[in-house]
Amino acid sequence: MKEYKFTSTWFKDVAEQNWIELFKLYPEKPKRLLEIGCYEGRATAWLCDNILEIGAEYDVIDTFGGSLEESGMNIKDQLQENISYIENNFKHNISYHPNIKFNIYKGYSQKILPTLPQIETYDFIYIDASHRADDTFVDAYYANKMLKSGGILIFDDFGWKDPQNLHPVNSPQLGVEVFNTMYNDYYSVIFQGYQVFFIKN
């Protein structure tokens, strides 16, 4: 029996039912995945438990520092302790899935993404890293280069606002909207709520 280590229920509360419906509409199992921002791996574990088949390749990018601007998300006051706690939880959680080929890239996505092959290799990309609009757009810019035709692109936190600073740059929404404006000939929006789901034409 799996004993996952999670400190929040955000995925189950906000996203799970929509992801269930998504994979009913698009039942083909993704073979190569990229998750940009994984935290403790709640979405990661859900995909492994419910969707992925043996041998799937799963790339993950995260600083493992948590989301500093969201109240209740920090485990420790000291950043290094926070990183160790979150990273250890993530590695514990994926240890239940030895048949999935994980590659973990520790650091900021804006530094790591340009170093990855800029070819269309991923079937599924999930963006859930920075809550800034500009960072979100940069993540999406590189995701577009690496997502196959027919691939699924999900943005988290489209509906999130920073209660301490409501300027649009402090929410992913503007970054997603700019991406959609620039690339709308190449994508179809299949769901929009707190998250946004795109499929690449």
N, C-alpha and C. Protein backbone atom coordinates (compact mmCIF):
# COMPACT_ATOMS: atom_id res chain seq x y z
N MET A 1 0.85 -1.20 0.00
CA MET A 1 0.00 0.00 0.00
C MET A 1 0.88 1.25 0.00
N LYS A 2 0.56 2.17 -0.88
CA LYS A 2 1.36 3.40 -0.98
C LYS A 2 1.04 4.33 0.19
N GLU A 3 2.09 4.88 0.77
CA GLU A 3 1.92 5.87 1.83
C GLU A 3 2.61 7.16 1.37
N TYR A 4 1.90 7.88 0.54
CA TYR A 4 2.45 9.13 0.00
C TYR A 4 2.60 10.16 1.11
N LYS A 5 3.57 11.06 0.90
CA LYS A 5 3.78 12.18 1.83
C LYS A 5 3.36 13.47 1.13
N PHE A 6 2.17 13.95 1.48
CA PHE A 6 1.65 15.20 0.94
C PHE A 6 1.24 16.11 2.10
N THR A 7 1.47 17.40 1.93
CA THR A 7 1.07 18.35 2.97
C THR A 7 -0.13 19.20 2.54
N SER A 8 -0.66 18.97 1.34
CA SER A 8 -1.84 19.70 0.90
C SER A 8 -2.69 18.80 0.01
N THR A 9 -3.94 19.18 -0.15
CA THR A 9 -4.88 18.40 -0.97
C THR A 9 -5.30 19.18 -2.21
N TRP A 10 -4.48 20.15 -2.63
CA TRP A 10 -4.89 21.07 -3.70
C TRP A 10 -5.26 20.34 -4.98
N PHE A 11 -4.49 19.32 -5.38
CA PHE A 11 -4.77 18.65 -6.65
C PHE A 11 -6.12 17.94 -6.59
N LYS A 12 -6.35 17.21 -5.54
CA LYS A 12 -7.62 16.50 -5.39
C LYS A 12 -8.78 17.48 -5.34
N ASP A 13 -8.60 18.59 -4.64
CA ASP A 13 -9.67 19.56 -4.45
C ASP A 13 -9.98 20.35 -5.72
N VAL A 14 -8.94 20.70 -6.48
CA VAL A 14 -9.10 21.65 -7.58
C VAL A 14 -9.08 21.00 -8.95
N ALA A 15 -8.24 19.99 -9.14
CA ALA A 15 -7.94 19.55 -10.49
C ALA A 15 -8.38 18.13 -10.84
N GLU A 16 -8.44 17.24 -9.87
CA GLU A 16 -8.55 15.82 -10.17
C GLU A 16 -9.73 15.49 -11.08
N GLN A 17 -10.92 15.99 -10.77
CA GLN A 17 -12.09 15.62 -11.56
C GLN A 17 -11.96 16.10 -13.00
N ASN A 18 -11.39 17.28 -13.20
CA ASN A 18 -11.20 17.79 -14.56
C ASN A 18 -10.19 16.95 -15.33
N TRP A 19 -9.16 16.46 -14.64
CA TRP A 19 -8.17 15.61 -15.32
C TRP A 19 -8.80 14.25 -15.68
N ILE A 20 -9.66 13.74 -14.83
CA ILE A 20 -10.38 12.50 -15.15
C ILE A 20 -11.17 12.67 -16.44
N GLU A 21 -11.88 13.79 -16.54
CA GLU A 21 -12.69 14.06 -17.74
C GLU A 21 -11.81 14.26 -18.95
N LEU A 22 -10.66 14.92 -18.77
CA LEU A 22 -9.73 15.15 -19.87
C LEU A 22 -9.28 13.83 -20.49
N PHE A 23 -8.89 12.88 -19.63
CA PHE A 23 -8.36 11.62 -20.15
C PHE A 23 -9.46 10.68 -20.63
N LYS A 24 -10.71 10.99 -20.34
CA LYS A 24 -11.81 10.29 -21.01
C LYS A 24 -11.92 10.75 -22.46
N LEU A 25 -11.72 12.06 -22.67
CA LEU A 25 -11.79 12.61 -24.02
C LEU A 25 -10.58 12.25 -24.85
N TYR A 26 -9.41 12.18 -24.20
CA TYR A 26 -8.15 11.88 -24.88
C TYR A 26 -7.50 10.68 -24.19
N PRO A 27 -8.00 9.48 -24.49
CA PRO A 27 -7.57 8.30 -23.71
C PRO A 27 -6.19 7.75 -24.07
N GLU A 28 -5.56 8.24 -25.12
CA GLU A 28 -4.24 7.72 -25.46
C GLU A 28 -3.25 8.06 -24.34
N LYS A 29 -2.52 7.08 -23.90
CA LYS A 29 -1.62 7.26 -22.78
C LYS A 29 -0.38 8.05 -23.21
N PRO A 30 -0.06 9.15 -22.54
CA PRO A 30 1.19 9.84 -22.86
C PRO A 30 2.40 8.99 -22.52
N LYS A 31 3.36 9.01 -23.44
CA LYS A 31 4.58 8.21 -23.24
C LYS A 31 5.75 9.07 -22.77
N ARG A 32 5.72 10.36 -23.11
CA ARG A 32 6.77 11.28 -22.66
C ARG A 32 6.10 12.50 -22.06
N LEU A 33 6.47 12.84 -20.85
CA LEU A 33 5.83 13.93 -20.11
C LEU A 33 6.87 14.88 -19.58
N LEU A 34 6.46 16.14 -19.45
CA LEU A 34 7.28 17.17 -18.82
C LEU A 34 6.41 17.92 -17.82
N GLU A 35 6.86 17.96 -16.58
CA GLU A 35 6.16 18.71 -15.54
C GLU A 35 7.08 19.84 -15.08
N ILE A 36 6.63 21.07 -15.27
CA ILE A 36 7.42 22.25 -14.92
C ILE A 36 6.84 22.80 -13.62
N GLY A 37 7.45 22.41 -12.51
CA GLY A 37 6.94 22.73 -11.19
C GLY A 37 6.12 21.56 -10.66
N CYS A 38 6.70 20.79 -9.74
CA CYS A 38 6.02 19.57 -9.28
C CYS A 38 5.65 19.60 -7.80
N TYR A 39 6.28 20.49 -7.02
CA TYR A 39 6.11 20.52 -5.56
C TYR A 39 6.37 19.13 -4.99
N GLU A 40 5.44 18.53 -4.28
CA GLU A 40 5.67 17.21 -3.69
C GLU A 40 5.26 16.06 -4.61
N GLY A 41 4.72 16.39 -5.78
CA GLY A 41 4.38 15.35 -6.74
C GLY A 41 2.96 14.82 -6.65
N ARG A 42 2.04 15.67 -6.23
CA ARG A 42 0.66 15.19 -6.15
C ARG A 42 0.09 14.87 -7.54
N ALA A 43 0.28 15.78 -8.49
CA ALA A 43 -0.16 15.51 -9.86
C ALA A 43 0.65 14.38 -10.47
N THR A 44 1.94 14.35 -10.17
CA THR A 44 2.82 13.31 -10.66
C THR A 44 2.32 11.94 -10.25
N ALA A 45 2.04 11.79 -8.98
CA ALA A 45 1.58 10.51 -8.45
C ALA A 45 0.23 10.13 -9.04
N TRP A 46 -0.63 11.11 -9.23
CA TRP A 46 -1.95 10.81 -9.80
C TRP A 46 -1.81 10.26 -11.21
N LEU A 47 -0.95 10.88 -12.01
CA LEU A 47 -0.73 10.39 -13.37
C LEU A 47 -0.15 8.97 -13.35
N CYS A 48 0.80 8.75 -12.46
CA CYS A 48 1.41 7.43 -12.38
C CYS A 48 0.40 6.37 -11.94
N ASP A 49 -0.47 6.72 -11.01
CA ASP A 49 -1.45 5.76 -10.49
C ASP A 49 -2.58 5.49 -11.48
N ASN A 50 -2.95 6.49 -12.28
CA ASN A 50 -4.19 6.39 -13.04
C ASN A 50 -4.04 6.38 -14.56
N ILE A 51 -2.93 6.88 -15.07
CA ILE A 51 -2.84 7.09 -16.51
C ILE A 51 -1.66 6.38 -17.16
N LEU A 52 -0.48 6.51 -16.59
CA LEU A 52 0.74 6.10 -17.29
C LEU A 52 0.93 4.59 -17.30
N GLU A 53 1.60 4.15 -18.34
CA GLU A 53 1.94 2.75 -18.48
C GLU A 53 3.43 2.55 -18.20
N ILE A 54 3.81 1.31 -17.97
CA ILE A 54 5.21 0.97 -17.70
C ILE A 54 6.10 1.48 -18.83
N GLY A 55 7.21 2.12 -18.44
CA GLY A 55 8.16 2.61 -19.42
C GLY A 55 7.97 4.04 -19.85
N ALA A 56 6.91 4.70 -19.36
CA ALA A 56 6.72 6.12 -19.69
C ALA A 56 7.93 6.92 -19.18
N GLU A 57 8.30 7.95 -19.94
CA GLU A 57 9.42 8.82 -19.56
C GLU A 57 8.87 10.13 -19.03
N TYR A 58 9.33 10.52 -17.85
CA TYR A 58 8.73 11.65 -17.13
C TYR A 58 9.85 12.58 -16.68
N ASP A 59 9.93 13.75 -17.31
CA ASP A 59 10.90 14.77 -16.93
C ASP A 59 10.25 15.79 -16.01
N VAL A 60 10.96 16.18 -14.96
CA VAL A 60 10.44 17.09 -13.95
C VAL A 60 11.45 18.21 -13.71
N ILE A 61 10.96 19.44 -13.67
CA ILE A 61 11.79 20.60 -13.34
C ILE A 61 11.21 21.28 -12.12
N ASP A 62 12.05 21.51 -11.11
CA ASP A 62 11.57 22.22 -9.92
C ASP A 62 12.77 22.69 -9.09
N THR A 63 12.61 23.81 -8.41
CA THR A 63 13.63 24.25 -7.46
C THR A 63 13.48 23.51 -6.13
N PHE A 64 12.27 22.98 -5.89
CA PHE A 64 11.89 22.34 -4.63
C PHE A 64 11.93 23.33 -3.47
N GLY A 65 11.76 24.60 -3.79
CA GLY A 65 11.68 25.62 -2.76
C GLY A 65 10.26 25.98 -2.36
N GLY A 66 9.28 25.43 -3.06
CA GLY A 66 7.89 25.74 -2.74
C GLY A 66 7.46 27.05 -3.37
N SER A 67 6.22 27.41 -3.10
CA SER A 67 5.64 28.63 -3.62
C SER A 67 5.68 29.68 -2.53
N LEU A 68 6.63 30.58 -2.63
CA LEU A 68 6.89 31.50 -1.52
C LEU A 68 5.77 32.50 -1.28
N GLU A 69 4.97 32.81 -2.33
CA GLU A 69 3.96 33.86 -2.17
C GLU A 69 2.61 33.33 -1.71
N GLU A 70 2.41 32.02 -1.69
CA GLU A 70 1.13 31.48 -1.27
C GLU A 70 1.16 31.15 0.21
N SER A 71 0.25 31.72 0.95
CA SER A 71 0.20 31.43 2.39
C SER A 71 -0.18 29.97 2.60
N GLY A 72 0.43 29.38 3.61
CA GLY A 72 0.13 28.01 3.94
C GLY A 72 0.89 26.97 3.15
N MET A 73 1.68 27.40 2.16
CA MET A 73 2.38 26.44 1.32
C MET A 73 3.80 26.17 1.80
N ASN A 74 4.36 27.07 2.60
CA ASN A 74 5.74 26.89 3.04
C ASN A 74 5.80 25.94 4.23
N ILE A 75 6.73 25.00 4.17
CA ILE A 75 6.86 24.02 5.24
C ILE A 75 7.79 24.53 6.32
N LYS A 76 8.83 25.25 5.93
CA LYS A 76 9.81 25.77 6.86
C LYS A 76 10.08 27.23 6.55
N ASP A 77 10.54 27.96 7.54
CA ASP A 77 10.90 29.35 7.32
C ASP A 77 12.22 29.46 6.57
N GLN A 78 13.13 28.57 6.82
CA GLN A 78 14.42 28.63 6.16
C GLN A 78 14.33 27.93 4.81
N LEU A 79 14.79 28.63 3.74
CA LEU A 79 14.63 28.12 2.38
C LEU A 79 15.28 26.77 2.19
N GLN A 80 16.50 26.58 2.68
CA GLN A 80 17.18 25.31 2.46
C GLN A 80 16.45 24.15 3.12
N GLU A 81 15.92 24.37 4.31
CA GLU A 81 15.14 23.33 4.97
C GLU A 81 13.89 23.03 4.18
N ASN A 82 13.27 24.08 3.63
CA ASN A 82 12.07 23.92 2.82
C ASN A 82 12.37 23.07 1.59
N ILE A 83 13.49 23.38 0.91
CA ILE A 83 13.88 22.63 -0.28
C ILE A 83 14.08 21.15 0.07
N SER A 84 14.81 20.88 1.15
CA SER A 84 15.09 19.51 1.53
C SER A 84 13.80 18.74 1.83
N TYR A 85 12.88 19.38 2.54
CA TYR A 85 11.63 18.73 2.91
C TYR A 85 10.80 18.38 1.68
N ILE A 86 10.62 19.35 0.79
CA ILE A 86 9.80 19.14 -0.40
C ILE A 86 10.45 18.13 -1.34
N GLU A 87 11.75 18.28 -1.56
CA GLU A 87 12.44 17.36 -2.46
C GLU A 87 12.40 15.93 -1.92
N ASN A 88 12.60 15.77 -0.63
CA ASN A 88 12.55 14.43 -0.04
C ASN A 88 11.16 13.82 -0.17
N ASN A 89 10.12 14.63 0.03
CA ASN A 89 8.76 14.12 -0.15
C ASN A 89 8.52 13.69 -1.59
N PHE A 90 8.97 14.52 -2.53
CA PHE A 90 8.77 14.18 -3.94
C PHE A 90 9.47 12.86 -4.28
N LYS A 91 10.71 12.73 -3.88
CA LYS A 91 11.46 11.50 -4.19
C LYS A 91 10.84 10.29 -3.51
N HIS A 92 10.35 10.47 -2.30
CA HIS A 92 9.64 9.38 -1.62
C HIS A 92 8.41 8.98 -2.43
N ASN A 93 7.64 9.96 -2.89
CA ASN A 93 6.39 9.67 -3.58
C ASN A 93 6.61 8.96 -4.92
N ILE A 94 7.62 9.39 -5.67
CA ILE A 94 7.84 8.72 -6.95
C ILE A 94 8.53 7.37 -6.78
N SER A 95 9.05 7.09 -5.59
CA SER A 95 9.71 5.79 -5.37
C SER A 95 8.73 4.63 -5.50
N TYR A 96 7.43 4.92 -5.40
CA TYR A 96 6.41 3.88 -5.57
C TYR A 96 6.22 3.52 -7.04
N HIS A 97 6.92 4.21 -7.94
CA HIS A 97 6.71 4.00 -9.38
C HIS A 97 8.04 3.73 -10.08
N PRO A 98 8.71 2.64 -9.73
CA PRO A 98 10.01 2.35 -10.32
C PRO A 98 9.95 2.03 -11.81
N ASN A 99 8.77 1.74 -12.34
CA ASN A 99 8.64 1.42 -13.76
C ASN A 99 8.43 2.64 -14.64
N ILE A 100 8.42 3.83 -14.02
CA ILE A 100 8.39 5.08 -14.77
C ILE A 100 9.80 5.65 -14.77
N LYS A 101 10.25 6.11 -15.93
CA LYS A 101 11.61 6.62 -16.07
C LYS A 101 11.63 8.12 -15.76
N PHE A 102 12.01 8.46 -14.54
CA PHE A 102 12.03 9.86 -14.11
C PHE A 102 13.40 10.48 -14.36
N ASN A 103 13.38 11.71 -14.86
CA ASN A 103 14.56 12.56 -14.94
C ASN A 103 14.24 13.84 -14.18
N ILE A 104 14.99 14.12 -13.13
CA ILE A 104 14.72 15.30 -12.29
C ILE A 104 15.77 16.36 -12.59
N TYR A 105 15.29 17.56 -12.95
CA TYR A 105 16.15 18.71 -13.20
C TYR A 105 15.88 19.72 -12.09
N LYS A 106 16.84 19.89 -11.22
CA LYS A 106 16.65 20.77 -10.06
C LYS A 106 17.16 22.16 -10.38
N GLY A 107 16.26 23.14 -10.34
CA GLY A 107 16.63 24.52 -10.63
C GLY A 107 15.47 25.28 -11.22
N TYR A 108 15.75 26.48 -11.70
CA TYR A 108 14.72 27.34 -12.26
C TYR A 108 14.43 26.95 -13.70
N SER A 109 13.17 26.88 -14.04
CA SER A 109 12.78 26.41 -15.37
C SER A 109 13.34 27.30 -16.48
N GLN A 110 13.44 28.62 -16.23
CA GLN A 110 13.94 29.52 -17.28
C GLN A 110 15.40 29.26 -17.60
N LYS A 111 16.12 28.62 -16.69
CA LYS A 111 17.51 28.26 -16.95
C LYS A 111 17.63 26.85 -17.53
N ILE A 112 16.75 25.96 -17.12
CA ILE A 112 16.85 24.57 -17.55
C ILE A 112 16.20 24.33 -18.91
N LEU A 113 15.05 24.91 -19.16
CA LEU A 113 14.33 24.64 -20.41
C LEU A 113 15.17 24.92 -21.66
N PRO A 114 15.94 26.02 -21.72
CA PRO A 114 16.74 26.25 -22.93
C PRO A 114 17.82 25.20 -23.17
N THR A 115 18.16 24.42 -22.14
CA THR A 115 19.20 23.41 -22.29
C THR A 115 18.64 22.08 -22.79
N LEU A 116 17.32 21.92 -22.79
CA LEU A 116 16.71 20.68 -23.27
C LEU A 116 16.59 20.72 -24.79
N PRO A 117 16.53 19.56 -25.44
CA PRO A 117 16.39 19.54 -26.90
C PRO A 117 15.13 20.28 -27.36
N GLN A 118 15.30 21.21 -28.27
CA GLN A 118 14.17 22.03 -28.73
C GLN A 118 13.47 21.34 -29.90
N ILE A 119 13.00 20.13 -29.63
CA ILE A 119 12.29 19.35 -30.63
C ILE A 119 11.01 18.83 -30.01
N GLU A 120 10.04 18.50 -30.86
CA GLU A 120 8.72 18.08 -30.39
C GLU A 120 8.77 16.62 -29.95
N THR A 121 9.00 16.42 -28.66
CA THR A 121 9.14 15.06 -28.15
C THR A 121 8.11 14.70 -27.07
N TYR A 122 7.46 15.69 -26.47
CA TYR A 122 6.56 15.40 -25.35
C TYR A 122 5.11 15.26 -25.82
N ASP A 123 4.39 14.34 -25.17
CA ASP A 123 2.97 14.16 -25.41
C ASP A 123 2.12 14.98 -24.45
N PHE A 124 2.73 15.36 -23.33
CA PHE A 124 1.99 16.01 -22.25
C PHE A 124 2.94 16.93 -21.50
N ILE A 125 2.54 18.18 -21.33
CA ILE A 125 3.34 19.15 -20.55
C ILE A 125 2.41 19.86 -19.57
N TYR A 126 2.85 19.92 -18.33
CA TYR A 126 2.08 20.57 -17.27
C TYR A 126 2.93 21.69 -16.69
N ILE A 127 2.40 22.93 -16.74
CA ILE A 127 3.13 24.11 -16.26
C ILE A 127 2.52 24.57 -14.94
N ASP A 128 3.32 24.46 -13.87
CA ASP A 128 2.86 24.82 -12.53
C ASP A 128 4.05 25.29 -11.71
N ALA A 129 4.78 26.25 -12.24
CA ALA A 129 6.00 26.71 -11.56
C ALA A 129 5.75 28.10 -10.98
N SER A 130 6.36 29.10 -11.54
CA SER A 130 6.23 30.47 -11.04
C SER A 130 4.80 30.97 -11.19
N HIS A 131 4.40 31.85 -10.28
CA HIS A 131 3.09 32.48 -10.38
C HIS A 131 3.15 33.85 -11.07
N ARG A 132 4.30 34.21 -11.63
CA ARG A 132 4.42 35.45 -12.39
C ARG A 132 4.01 35.22 -13.84
N ALA A 133 3.36 36.22 -14.42
CA ALA A 133 2.90 36.11 -15.80
C ALA A 133 4.05 35.95 -16.77
N ASP A 134 5.14 36.72 -16.57
CA ASP A 134 6.25 36.65 -17.52
C ASP A 134 6.94 35.29 -17.46
N ASP A 135 7.14 34.77 -16.25
CA ASP A 135 7.74 33.45 -16.11
C ASP A 135 6.86 32.38 -16.76
N THR A 136 5.55 32.49 -16.54
CA THR A 136 4.62 31.52 -17.11
C THR A 136 4.69 31.53 -18.63
N PHE A 137 4.76 32.72 -19.21
CA PHE A 137 4.86 32.79 -20.67
C PHE A 137 6.16 32.17 -21.16
N VAL A 138 7.27 32.43 -20.48
CA VAL A 138 8.56 31.85 -20.91
C VAL A 138 8.50 30.32 -20.84
N ASP A 139 7.93 29.78 -19.77
CA ASP A 139 7.77 28.33 -19.68
C ASP A 139 6.94 27.81 -20.86
N ALA A 140 5.88 28.53 -21.19
CA ALA A 140 5.01 28.11 -22.28
C ALA A 140 5.70 28.24 -23.64
N TYR A 141 6.52 29.26 -23.80
CA TYR A 141 7.26 29.45 -25.04
C TYR A 141 8.11 28.22 -25.33
N TYR A 142 8.84 27.75 -24.33
CA TYR A 142 9.67 26.56 -24.54
C TYR A 142 8.83 25.30 -24.64
N ALA A 143 7.74 25.23 -23.87
CA ALA A 143 6.85 24.07 -23.96
C ALA A 143 6.32 23.91 -25.37
N ASN A 144 5.97 24.99 -26.01
CA ASN A 144 5.45 24.93 -27.37
C ASN A 144 6.46 24.29 -28.32
N LYS A 145 7.72 24.59 -28.14
CA LYS A 145 8.75 24.03 -29.00
C LYS A 145 8.90 22.51 -28.83
N MET A 146 8.52 22.02 -27.65
CA MET A 146 8.81 20.63 -27.30
C MET A 146 7.58 19.73 -27.28
N LEU A 147 6.39 20.30 -27.52
CA LEU A 147 5.15 19.52 -27.47
C LEU A 147 4.77 19.03 -28.86
N LYS A 148 4.45 17.76 -28.96
CA LYS A 148 4.04 17.17 -30.23
C LYS A 148 2.67 17.67 -30.66
N SER A 149 2.40 17.58 -31.94
CA SER A 149 1.05 17.80 -32.44
C SER A 149 0.13 16.77 -31.81
N GLY A 150 -1.01 17.22 -31.33
CA GLY A 150 -1.93 16.35 -30.61
C GLY A 150 -1.62 16.24 -29.14
N GLY A 151 -0.53 16.90 -28.69
CA GLY A 151 -0.14 16.86 -27.29
C GLY A 151 -0.99 17.77 -26.43
N ILE A 152 -1.01 17.48 -25.14
CA ILE A 152 -1.80 18.24 -24.16
C ILE A 152 -0.87 19.17 -23.38
N LEU A 153 -1.30 20.42 -23.23
CA LEU A 153 -0.59 21.43 -22.45
C LEU A 153 -1.53 21.97 -21.39
N ILE A 154 -1.15 21.85 -20.13
CA ILE A 154 -1.99 22.32 -19.02
C ILE A 154 -1.26 23.41 -18.25
N PHE A 155 -1.97 24.49 -17.98
CA PHE A 155 -1.49 25.55 -17.11
C PHE A 155 -2.25 25.49 -15.79
N ASP A 156 -1.52 25.48 -14.69
CA ASP A 156 -2.15 25.58 -13.38
C ASP A 156 -2.27 27.05 -12.98
N ASP A 157 -3.13 27.32 -12.01
CA ASP A 157 -3.22 28.62 -11.33
C ASP A 157 -3.66 29.76 -12.23
N PHE A 158 -4.37 29.47 -13.32
CA PHE A 158 -4.92 30.53 -14.16
C PHE A 158 -5.85 31.42 -13.35
N GLY A 159 -6.54 30.83 -12.39
CA GLY A 159 -7.49 31.59 -11.58
C GLY A 159 -6.93 32.14 -10.29
N TRP A 160 -5.60 32.01 -10.09
CA TRP A 160 -5.00 32.46 -8.84
C TRP A 160 -4.61 33.93 -8.91
N LYS A 161 -4.82 34.64 -7.81
CA LYS A 161 -4.39 36.04 -7.68
C LYS A 161 -3.58 36.18 -6.39
N ASP A 162 -2.55 37.00 -6.45
CA ASP A 162 -1.76 37.29 -5.26
C ASP A 162 -2.53 38.30 -4.41
N PRO A 163 -3.00 37.91 -3.23
CA PRO A 163 -3.79 38.84 -2.42
C PRO A 163 -2.98 40.04 -1.94
N GLN A 164 -1.65 39.93 -1.97
CA GLN A 164 -0.81 41.04 -1.53
C GLN A 164 -0.47 42.01 -2.66
N ASN A 165 -0.68 41.59 -3.89
CA ASN A 165 -0.33 42.44 -5.04
C ASN A 165 -1.15 41.99 -6.23
N LEU A 166 -2.18 42.75 -6.57
CA LEU A 166 -3.11 42.34 -7.63
C LEU A 166 -2.68 42.80 -9.02
N HIS A 167 -1.47 43.32 -9.16
CA HIS A 167 -0.98 43.67 -10.49
C HIS A 167 -0.98 42.43 -11.37
N PRO A 168 -1.43 42.53 -12.63
CA PRO A 168 -1.53 41.34 -13.50
C PRO A 168 -0.25 40.54 -13.66
N VAL A 169 0.91 41.17 -13.52
CA VAL A 169 2.16 40.42 -13.67
C VAL A 169 2.35 39.40 -12.56
N ASN A 170 1.61 39.55 -11.45
CA ASN A 170 1.75 38.66 -10.31
C ASN A 170 0.75 37.50 -10.34
N SER A 171 0.24 37.19 -11.52
CA SER A 171 -0.64 36.05 -11.70
C SER A 171 -0.30 35.37 -13.02
N PRO A 172 -0.40 34.04 -13.08
CA PRO A 172 -0.14 33.35 -14.35
C PRO A 172 -1.11 33.73 -15.47
N GLN A 173 -2.29 34.27 -15.12
CA GLN A 173 -3.34 34.47 -16.11
C GLN A 173 -2.88 35.28 -17.31
N LEU A 174 -2.22 36.40 -17.08
CA LEU A 174 -1.78 37.24 -18.19
C LEU A 174 -0.79 36.49 -19.09
N GLY A 175 0.12 35.72 -18.49
CA GLY A 175 1.06 34.94 -19.28
C GLY A 175 0.36 33.92 -20.17
N VAL A 176 -0.68 33.26 -19.64
CA VAL A 176 -1.44 32.29 -20.41
C VAL A 176 -2.20 33.00 -21.54
N GLU A 177 -2.77 34.15 -21.23
CA GLU A 177 -3.53 34.89 -22.25
C GLU A 177 -2.62 35.38 -23.38
N VAL A 178 -1.44 35.84 -23.04
CA VAL A 178 -0.49 36.27 -24.08
C VAL A 178 -0.09 35.07 -24.94
N PHE A 179 0.20 33.95 -24.29
CA PHE A 179 0.53 32.73 -25.04
C PHE A 179 -0.60 32.36 -25.99
N ASN A 180 -1.82 32.38 -25.49
CA ASN A 180 -2.97 32.01 -26.32
C ASN A 180 -3.14 32.97 -27.50
N THR A 181 -2.91 34.26 -27.26
CA THR A 181 -3.01 35.24 -28.34
C THR A 181 -1.96 34.99 -29.42
N MET A 182 -0.74 34.68 -29.01
CA MET A 182 0.35 34.50 -29.95
C MET A 182 0.28 33.17 -30.70
N TYR A 183 -0.24 32.14 -30.05
CA TYR A 183 -0.19 30.80 -30.64
C TYR A 183 -1.57 30.21 -30.89
N ASN A 184 -2.60 31.04 -30.96
CA ASN A 184 -3.95 30.49 -31.05
C ASN A 184 -4.23 29.74 -32.34
N ASP A 185 -3.40 29.94 -33.37
CA ASP A 185 -3.56 29.17 -34.60
C ASP A 185 -3.07 27.74 -34.43
N TYR A 186 -2.32 27.48 -33.39
CA TYR A 186 -1.70 26.17 -33.20
C TYR A 186 -2.33 25.36 -32.08
N TYR A 187 -3.23 25.98 -31.32
CA TYR A 187 -3.81 25.31 -30.16
C TYR A 187 -5.32 25.51 -30.11
N SER A 188 -5.98 24.56 -29.47
CA SER A 188 -7.40 24.69 -29.14
C SER A 188 -7.54 24.61 -27.63
N VAL A 189 -8.32 25.52 -27.06
CA VAL A 189 -8.61 25.47 -25.62
C VAL A 189 -9.73 24.45 -25.42
N ILE A 190 -9.49 23.45 -24.59
CA ILE A 190 -10.50 22.43 -24.37
C ILE A 190 -11.13 22.53 -22.98
N PHE A 191 -10.52 23.34 -22.11
CA PHE A 191 -11.12 23.60 -20.80
C PHE A 191 -10.49 24.85 -20.23
N GLN A 192 -11.32 25.69 -19.60
CA GLN A 192 -10.80 26.86 -18.90
C GLN A 192 -11.56 27.04 -17.59
N GLY A 193 -10.82 27.03 -16.50
CA GLY A 193 -11.36 27.26 -15.18
C GLY A 193 -10.22 27.76 -14.32
N TYR A 194 -10.01 27.14 -13.17
CA TYR A 194 -8.83 27.50 -12.38
C TYR A 194 -7.57 27.08 -13.13
N GLN A 195 -7.66 25.99 -13.89
CA GLN A 195 -6.62 25.59 -14.80
C GLN A 195 -7.11 25.79 -16.24
N VAL A 196 -6.16 25.74 -17.19
CA VAL A 196 -6.52 25.81 -18.61
C VAL A 196 -5.86 24.64 -19.31
N PHE A 197 -6.65 23.95 -20.13
CA PHE A 197 -6.15 22.82 -20.92
C PHE A 197 -6.12 23.22 -22.39
N PHE A 198 -4.99 23.00 -23.03
CA PHE A 198 -4.85 23.20 -24.46
C PHE A 198 -4.50 21.87 -25.13
N ILE A 199 -4.89 21.73 -26.38
CA ILE A 199 -4.39 20.65 -27.20
C ILE A 199 -3.75 21.26 -28.44
N LYS A 200 -2.60 20.75 -28.81
CA LYS A 200 -1.86 21.29 -29.94
C LYS A 200 -2.40 20.69 -31.23
N ASN A 201 -2.74 21.55 -32.18
CA ASN A 201 -3.34 21.10 -33.43
C ASN A 201 -2.34 20.33 -34.29
